[in-house]
């Protein structure tokens, strides 16, 4: 019997749960360590046993990560998802803030792309040593002509 052929209703080991949720066993352990997946049962010998509800939660986390939510945002969204008395306005507020953040990051990346396209256009790309790309990279970062562009990254991912 393969890992995916395990019974749908009963507890399954980490590899099966991970496969069903579309994540790695390492990420399952990471999410559990972060408290996103609480109360996972263990066998007498200490092996984790995941229920169908745990797998569903793992899918929720994976989909949230696919959409770029931070681990902190996912924790909040999980709490709201599990609270059947929640106000959808709070969920919408979190999603809108994420959209706004994505728009800022996209604009910053587009600015990087335009800058690099301009530099590549200025470079002769020949056998000569002078290179405007390297000259720009070596320029002082406080240059008003080229302010630093920062992209926020989620540091909670391993």
Protein backbone atom coordinates (compact mmCIF):
# COMPACT_ATOMS: atom_id res chain seq x y z
CA UNK A 1 0.00 0.00 0.00
CA UNK A 2 1.52 3.39 -0.99
CA UNK A 3 1.63 6.46 1.27
CA UNK A 4 -1.26 8.05 -0.59
CA UNK A 5 -3.33 4.87 -0.34
CA UNK A 6 -3.50 5.08 3.47
CA UNK A 7 -7.04 5.30 4.83
CA UNK A 8 -8.53 8.80 4.52
CA UNK A 9 -10.12 8.92 7.98
CA UNK A 10 -7.42 7.51 10.26
CA UNK A 11 -4.24 9.08 11.51
CA UNK A 12 -1.32 9.01 9.10
CA UNK A 13 2.45 9.44 9.51
CA UNK A 14 4.23 12.67 8.66
CA UNK A 15 5.28 11.57 5.16
CA UNK A 16 1.72 10.77 4.15
CA UNK A 17 0.34 13.96 5.67
CA UNK A 18 3.03 16.01 3.94
CA UNK A 19 2.36 14.35 0.59
CA UNK A 20 -1.39 14.88 0.87
CA UNK A 21 -0.88 18.55 1.76
CA UNK A 22 1.74 19.17 -0.93
CA UNK A 23 4.54 20.12 1.47
CA UNK A 24 7.70 18.43 2.68
CA UNK A 25 7.94 16.60 6.01
CA UNK A 26 10.55 19.18 7.02
CA UNK A 27 8.01 21.97 6.50
CA UNK A 28 5.39 20.05 8.49
CA UNK A 29 7.82 19.92 11.43
CA UNK A 30 8.61 23.62 10.92
CA UNK A 31 4.94 24.60 10.97
CA UNK A 32 4.42 22.50 14.07
CA UNK A 33 7.42 24.16 15.78
CA UNK A 34 5.95 27.58 14.95
CA UNK A 35 2.68 26.57 16.60
CA UNK A 36 0.68 26.65 13.36
CA UNK A 37 -0.15 22.99 13.73
CA UNK A 38 -0.96 22.25 17.36
CA UNK A 39 -1.82 19.12 19.27
CA UNK A 40 -0.44 16.54 16.85
CA UNK A 41 -0.90 13.08 18.35
CA UNK A 42 2.02 10.72 18.76
CA UNK A 43 2.28 6.97 18.87
CA UNK A 44 3.69 5.20 21.92
CA UNK A 45 7.08 5.22 20.21
CA UNK A 46 6.90 8.97 19.54
CA UNK A 47 5.96 9.05 15.86
CA UNK A 48 3.69 11.92 14.84
CA UNK A 49 0.21 10.95 13.68
CA UNK A 50 -1.77 13.44 11.58
CA UNK A 51 -5.52 13.55 11.17
CA UNK A 52 -7.42 14.65 8.08
CA UNK A 53 -8.03 17.98 9.90
CA UNK A 54 -4.25 18.39 10.30
CA UNK A 55 -3.78 17.74 6.57
CA UNK A 56 -6.48 20.33 5.82
CA UNK A 57 -4.64 22.84 8.02
CA UNK A 58 -1.38 22.05 6.22
CA UNK A 59 -3.10 22.73 2.88
CA UNK A 60 -4.38 26.05 4.26
CA UNK A 61 -0.82 26.97 5.28
CA UNK A 62 0.61 25.90 1.92
CA UNK A 63 -1.97 27.93 -0.01
CA UNK A 64 -1.32 30.94 2.21
CA UNK A 65 2.42 30.61 1.57
CA UNK A 66 1.74 30.26 -2.16
CA UNK A 67 -0.01 33.65 -1.98
CA UNK A 68 2.99 35.16 -0.19
CA UNK A 69 1.57 35.68 3.28
CA UNK A 70 4.15 35.87 6.07
CA UNK A 71 4.18 33.27 8.81
CA UNK A 72 2.77 35.84 11.24
CA UNK A 73 -0.07 36.63 8.83
CA UNK A 74 -0.72 32.92 8.34
CA UNK A 75 -0.93 32.42 12.10
CA UNK A 76 -3.52 35.20 12.28
CA UNK A 77 -5.44 33.86 9.30
CA UNK A 78 -5.42 30.35 10.78
CA UNK A 79 -6.88 31.69 14.00
CA UNK A 80 -9.58 33.51 12.07
CA UNK A 81 -10.29 30.45 9.91
CA UNK A 82 -10.72 28.32 13.02
CA UNK A 83 -12.93 30.94 14.72
CA UNK A 84 -16.38 30.46 13.23
CA UNK A 85 -17.55 33.70 14.92
CA UNK A 86 -14.92 35.84 13.21
CA UNK A 87 -15.73 38.97 11.26
CA UNK A 88 -14.82 38.64 7.60
CA UNK A 89 -13.86 42.33 7.69
CA UNK A 90 -10.73 41.41 9.66
CA UNK A 91 -9.75 38.78 7.09
CA UNK A 92 -10.33 41.28 4.28
CA UNK A 93 -8.20 43.87 6.08
CA UNK A 94 -5.28 41.42 6.31
CA UNK A 95 -5.64 40.46 2.64
CA UNK A 96 -5.83 44.12 1.56
CA UNK A 97 -2.71 45.00 3.57
CA UNK A 98 -0.95 42.10 1.84
CA UNK A 99 -2.12 43.35 -1.57
CA UNK A 100 -0.74 46.81 -0.73
CA UNK A 101 2.58 45.29 0.34
CA UNK A 102 2.74 43.23 -2.87
CA UNK A 103 2.09 46.35 -4.95
CA UNK A 104 4.99 48.14 -3.25
CA UNK A 105 7.30 45.17 -3.76
CA UNK A 106 6.27 44.85 -7.42
CA UNK A 107 6.94 48.56 -7.97
CA UNK A 108 10.38 48.21 -6.37
CA UNK A 109 11.19 45.19 -8.54
CA UNK A 110 10.02 47.01 -11.67
CA UNK A 111 12.30 49.91 -10.74
CA UNK A 112 15.19 47.44 -10.40
CA UNK A 113 14.32 45.97 -13.78
CA UNK A 114 14.24 49.41 -15.45
CA UNK A 115 17.58 50.33 -13.88
CA UNK A 116 19.20 47.10 -15.02
CA UNK A 117 17.72 47.42 -18.51
CA UNK A 118 19.17 50.93 -18.74
CA UNK A 119 22.58 49.76 -17.55
CA UNK A 120 22.60 46.82 -19.95
CA UNK A 121 21.65 49.21 -22.75
CA UNK A 122 24.64 51.39 -21.89
CA UNK A 123 27.11 48.51 -21.80
CA UNK A 124 28.93 47.79 -25.05
CA UNK A 125 29.38 44.14 -24.12
CA UNK A 126 32.63 43.91 -26.01
CA UNK A 127 36.25 43.01 -25.20
CA UNK A 128 36.98 46.41 -23.61
CA UNK A 129 37.25 46.57 -19.81
CA UNK A 130 35.05 49.64 -19.22
CA UNK A 131 31.59 48.61 -18.06
CA UNK A 132 28.81 50.98 -16.95
CA UNK A 133 27.12 48.14 -15.04
CA UNK A 134 30.17 47.63 -12.81
CA UNK A 135 30.67 51.40 -12.55
CA UNK A 136 27.09 51.79 -11.28
CA UNK A 137 27.44 48.92 -8.80
CA UNK A 138 30.64 50.48 -7.46
CA UNK A 139 29.05 53.94 -7.09
CA UNK A 140 28.26 55.27 -3.62
CA UNK A 141 24.91 53.83 -2.44
CA UNK A 142 23.80 57.24 -1.14
CA UNK A 143 23.81 58.57 -4.69
CA UNK A 144 20.60 60.51 -5.28
CA UNK A 145 20.55 59.21 -8.85
CA UNK A 146 20.31 55.61 -7.66
CA UNK A 147 18.60 55.30 -4.27
CA UNK A 148 18.77 51.82 -2.75
CA UNK A 149 15.80 49.58 -3.49
CA UNK A 150 14.76 47.25 -0.68
CA UNK A 151 12.49 44.23 -1.00
CA UNK A 152 10.92 42.97 2.23
CA UNK A 153 11.48 39.27 2.70
CA UNK A 154 9.84 36.92 5.17
CA UNK A 155 12.68 35.88 7.45
CA UNK A 156 10.69 33.15 9.18
CA UNK A 157 11.15 30.67 6.33
CA UNK A 158 14.10 28.29 6.60
